[in-house]
């Protein structure tokens, strides 16, 4: 288990400040398969996963859904035949928070 995945998520209120671009880049170094995209002026953390078939992609998506429910933090998950795309960001602060990187690391562990 990675150090980032072991980190506890902290409650994120609407008063929290999104991470700066440079802080995001530092965290991204520990998540080489992830990338930061900007959509509607909001930085988001995304990764594409590939699978043998739809059933495996769907099972993965369900595991990520379970992970999200436990954390009380919910990504966008797009499930297709043989692939799934997961995108994390903190909706309330319209940007990235440390929690997004923690959950991306936990997503990687679910994928293994």
C-alpha atoms as a PDB file:
ATOM      1  CA  UNK A   1       0.000   0.000   0.000  1.00  0.00           C
ATOM      2  CA  UNK A   2       1.407   3.392  -0.944  1.00  0.00           C
ATOM      3  CA  UNK A   3       2.049   6.046   1.665  1.00  0.00           C
ATOM      4  CA  UNK A   4      -0.474   8.358   0.010  1.00  0.00           C
ATOM      5  CA  UNK A   5      -3.158   5.642   0.044  1.00  0.00           C
ATOM      6  CA  UNK A   6      -2.585   5.164   3.777  1.00  0.00           C
ATOM      7  CA  UNK A   7      -3.085   8.853   4.505  1.00  0.00           C
ATOM      8  CA  UNK A   8      -6.394   9.697   6.161  1.00  0.00           C
ATOM      9  CA  UNK A   9      -8.805  11.905   4.278  1.00  0.00           C
ATOM     10  CA  UNK A  10      -9.710  15.074   6.114  1.00  0.00           C
ATOM     11  CA  UNK A  11     -13.118  16.707   6.001  1.00  0.00           C
ATOM     12  CA  UNK A  12     -13.176  19.255   3.208  1.00  0.00           C
ATOM     13  CA  UNK A  13     -15.527  22.181   3.712  1.00  0.00           C
ATOM     14  CA  UNK A  14     -16.461  24.790   1.154  1.00  0.00           C
ATOM     15  CA  UNK A  15     -13.972  27.074   2.929  1.00  0.00           C
ATOM     16  CA  UNK A  16     -11.009  24.874   1.962  1.00  0.00           C
ATOM     17  CA  UNK A  17      -8.629  26.301  -0.612  1.00  0.00           C
ATOM     18  CA  UNK A  18      -7.928  24.163  -3.684  1.00  0.00           C
ATOM     19  CA  UNK A  19      -4.339  23.001  -4.053  1.00  0.00           C
ATOM     20  CA  UNK A  20      -2.098  25.160  -6.209  1.00  0.00           C
ATOM     21  CA  UNK A  21      -0.891  23.863  -9.558  1.00  0.00           C
ATOM     22  CA  UNK A  22       2.616  23.320  -8.158  1.00  0.00           C
ATOM     23  CA  UNK A  23       1.303  21.398  -5.125  1.00  0.00           C
ATOM     24  CA  UNK A  24      -0.769  19.230  -7.481  1.00  0.00           C
ATOM     25  CA  UNK A  25       2.296  18.526  -9.609  1.00  0.00           C
ATOM     26  CA  UNK A  26       4.212  17.355  -6.519  1.00  0.00           C
ATOM     27  CA  UNK A  27       1.454  14.910  -5.558  1.00  0.00           C
ATOM     28  CA  UNK A  28       1.125  13.793  -9.162  1.00  0.00           C
ATOM     29  CA  UNK A  29       4.723  12.532  -9.085  1.00  0.00           C
ATOM     30  CA  UNK A  30       3.574   9.693  -6.814  1.00  0.00           C
ATOM     31  CA  UNK A  31       0.727   8.823  -9.228  1.00  0.00           C
ATOM     32  CA  UNK A  32       2.460   8.386 -12.607  1.00  0.00           C
ATOM     33  CA  UNK A  33      -0.586   6.984 -14.428  1.00  0.00           C
ATOM     34  CA  UNK A  34      -2.813   9.924 -13.495  1.00  0.00           C
ATOM     35  CA  UNK A  35      -3.050  13.263 -15.212  1.00  0.00           C
ATOM     36  CA  UNK A  36      -4.507  16.621 -14.367  1.00  0.00           C
ATOM     37  CA  UNK A  37      -7.051  17.945 -16.803  1.00  0.00           C
ATOM     38  CA  UNK A  38      -8.825  21.268 -16.681  1.00  0.00           C
ATOM     39  CA  UNK A  39     -12.511  21.379 -17.474  1.00  0.00           C
ATOM     40  CA  UNK A  40     -14.573  24.560 -17.141  1.00  0.00           C
ATOM     41  CA  UNK A  41     -11.669  26.157 -15.268  1.00  0.00           C
ATOM     42  CA  UNK A  42     -11.548  23.338 -12.686  1.00  0.00           C
ATOM     43  CA  UNK A  43      -8.500  21.090 -12.260  1.00  0.00           C
ATOM     44  CA  UNK A  44      -9.444  17.410 -12.081  1.00  0.00           C
ATOM     45  CA  UNK A  45      -7.432  14.221 -11.608  1.00  0.00           C
ATOM     46  CA  UNK A  46      -8.158  11.485 -14.145  1.00  0.00           C
ATOM     47  CA  UNK A  47      -6.947   8.064 -15.228  1.00  0.00           C
ATOM     48  CA  UNK A  48      -8.030   5.475 -17.808  1.00  0.00           C
ATOM     49  CA  UNK A  49      -7.996   1.783 -16.828  1.00  0.00           C
ATOM     50  CA  UNK A  50      -8.222  -1.129 -19.264  1.00  0.00           C
ATOM     51  CA  UNK A  51      -9.794  -4.551 -18.745  1.00  0.00           C
ATOM     52  CA  UNK A  52     -10.389  -7.799 -20.666  1.00  0.00           C
ATOM     53  CA  UNK A  53     -14.093  -7.169 -21.055  1.00  0.00           C
ATOM     54  CA  UNK A  54     -17.124  -5.250 -19.865  1.00  0.00           C
ATOM     55  CA  UNK A  55     -17.733  -7.447 -16.822  1.00  0.00           C
ATOM     56  CA  UNK A  56     -14.285  -6.704 -15.387  1.00  0.00           C
ATOM     57  CA  UNK A  57     -14.623  -2.985 -16.109  1.00  0.00           C
ATOM     58  CA  UNK A  58     -18.005  -2.989 -14.380  1.00  0.00           C
ATOM     59  CA  UNK A  59     -16.689  -4.901 -11.354  1.00  0.00           C
ATOM     60  CA  UNK A  60     -13.857  -2.373 -11.028  1.00  0.00           C
ATOM     61  CA  UNK A  61     -16.330   0.511 -11.248  1.00  0.00           C
ATOM     62  CA  UNK A  62     -18.393  -1.034  -8.457  1.00  0.00           C
ATOM     63  CA  UNK A  63     -15.298  -1.384  -6.251  1.00  0.00           C
ATOM     64  CA  UNK A  64     -14.488   2.302  -6.848  1.00  0.00           C
ATOM     65  CA  UNK A  65     -18.099   3.165  -6.010  1.00  0.00           C
ATOM     66  CA  UNK A  66     -17.752   1.282  -2.732  1.00  0.00           C
ATOM     67  CA  UNK A  67     -14.465   3.090  -1.994  1.00  0.00           C
ATOM     68  CA  UNK A  68     -16.134   6.433  -2.727  1.00  0.00           C
ATOM     69  CA  UNK A  69     -19.071   5.685  -0.438  1.00  0.00           C
ATOM     70  CA  UNK A  70     -16.741   4.759   2.421  1.00  0.00           C
ATOM     71  CA  UNK A  71     -14.854   8.035   1.968  1.00  0.00           C
ATOM     72  CA  UNK A  72     -17.947  10.155   1.387  1.00  0.00           C
ATOM     73  CA  UNK A  73     -16.256  11.569  -1.719  1.00  0.00           C
ATOM     74  CA  UNK A  74     -17.507  10.672  -5.176  1.00  0.00           C
ATOM     75  CA  UNK A  75     -15.718  10.644  -8.553  1.00  0.00           C
ATOM     76  CA  UNK A  76     -17.046  10.521 -12.055  1.00  0.00           C
ATOM     77  CA  UNK A  77     -16.718   6.941 -13.303  1.00  0.00           C
ATOM     78  CA  UNK A  78     -17.269   6.178 -16.973  1.00  0.00           C
ATOM     79  CA  UNK A  79     -17.534   2.456 -17.685  1.00  0.00           C
ATOM     80  CA  UNK A  80     -17.266   1.078 -21.211  1.00  0.00           C
ATOM     81  CA  UNK A  81     -16.438  -2.255 -22.774  1.00  0.00           C
ATOM     82  CA  UNK A  82     -12.894  -3.043 -21.633  1.00  0.00           C
ATOM     83  CA  UNK A  83     -12.193   0.265 -19.937  1.00  0.00           C
ATOM     84  CA  UNK A  84     -13.147   2.648 -17.173  1.00  0.00           C
ATOM     85  CA  UNK A  85     -12.187   6.258 -16.608  1.00  0.00           C
ATOM     86  CA  UNK A  86     -12.104   7.657 -13.083  1.00  0.00           C
ATOM     87  CA  UNK A  87     -12.002  11.395 -12.407  1.00  0.00           C
ATOM     88  CA  UNK A  88     -11.582  12.831  -8.912  1.00  0.00           C
ATOM     89  CA  UNK A  89     -11.980  16.445  -7.787  1.00  0.00           C
ATOM     90  CA  UNK A  90     -13.560  18.244  -4.891  1.00  0.00           C
ATOM     91  CA  UNK A  91     -16.851  19.590  -6.167  1.00  0.00           C
ATOM     92  CA  UNK A  92     -17.435  21.882  -3.206  1.00  0.00           C
ATOM     93  CA  UNK A  93     -14.175  23.815  -3.670  1.00  0.00           C
ATOM     94  CA  UNK A  94     -14.140  23.508  -7.472  1.00  0.00           C
ATOM     95  CA  UNK A  95     -10.622  22.114  -7.572  1.00  0.00           C
ATOM     96  CA  UNK A  96      -8.232  19.540  -6.226  1.00  0.00           C
ATOM     97  CA  UNK A  97      -7.724  18.769  -2.544  1.00  0.00           C
ATOM     98  CA  UNK A  98      -5.292  16.337  -0.930  1.00  0.00           C
ATOM     99  CA  UNK A  99      -8.245  13.937  -0.546  1.00  0.00           C
ATOM    100  CA  UNK A 100      -8.453  13.604  -4.342  1.00  0.00           C
ATOM    101  CA  UNK A 101      -4.858  12.403  -4.518  1.00  0.00           C
ATOM    102  CA  UNK A 102      -5.390  10.026  -1.581  1.00  0.00           C
ATOM    103  CA  UNK A 103      -8.411   8.489  -3.292  1.00  0.00           C
ATOM    104  CA  UNK A 104      -6.581   8.271  -6.621  1.00  0.00           C
ATOM    105  CA  UNK A 105      -3.854   6.275  -4.836  1.00  0.00           C
ATOM    106  CA  UNK A 106      -6.519   4.023  -3.309  1.00  0.00           C
ATOM    107  CA  UNK A 107      -8.102   3.639  -6.764  1.00  0.00           C
ATOM    108  CA  UNK A 108      -4.749   2.378  -8.068  1.00  0.00           C
ATOM    109  CA  UNK A 109      -4.683  -0.235  -5.309  1.00  0.00           C
ATOM    110  CA  UNK A 110      -8.213  -1.393  -6.178  1.00  0.00           C
ATOM    111  CA  UNK A 111      -7.065  -1.803  -9.792  1.00  0.00           C
ATOM    112  CA  UNK A 112      -4.155  -4.101  -8.880  1.00  0.00           C
END
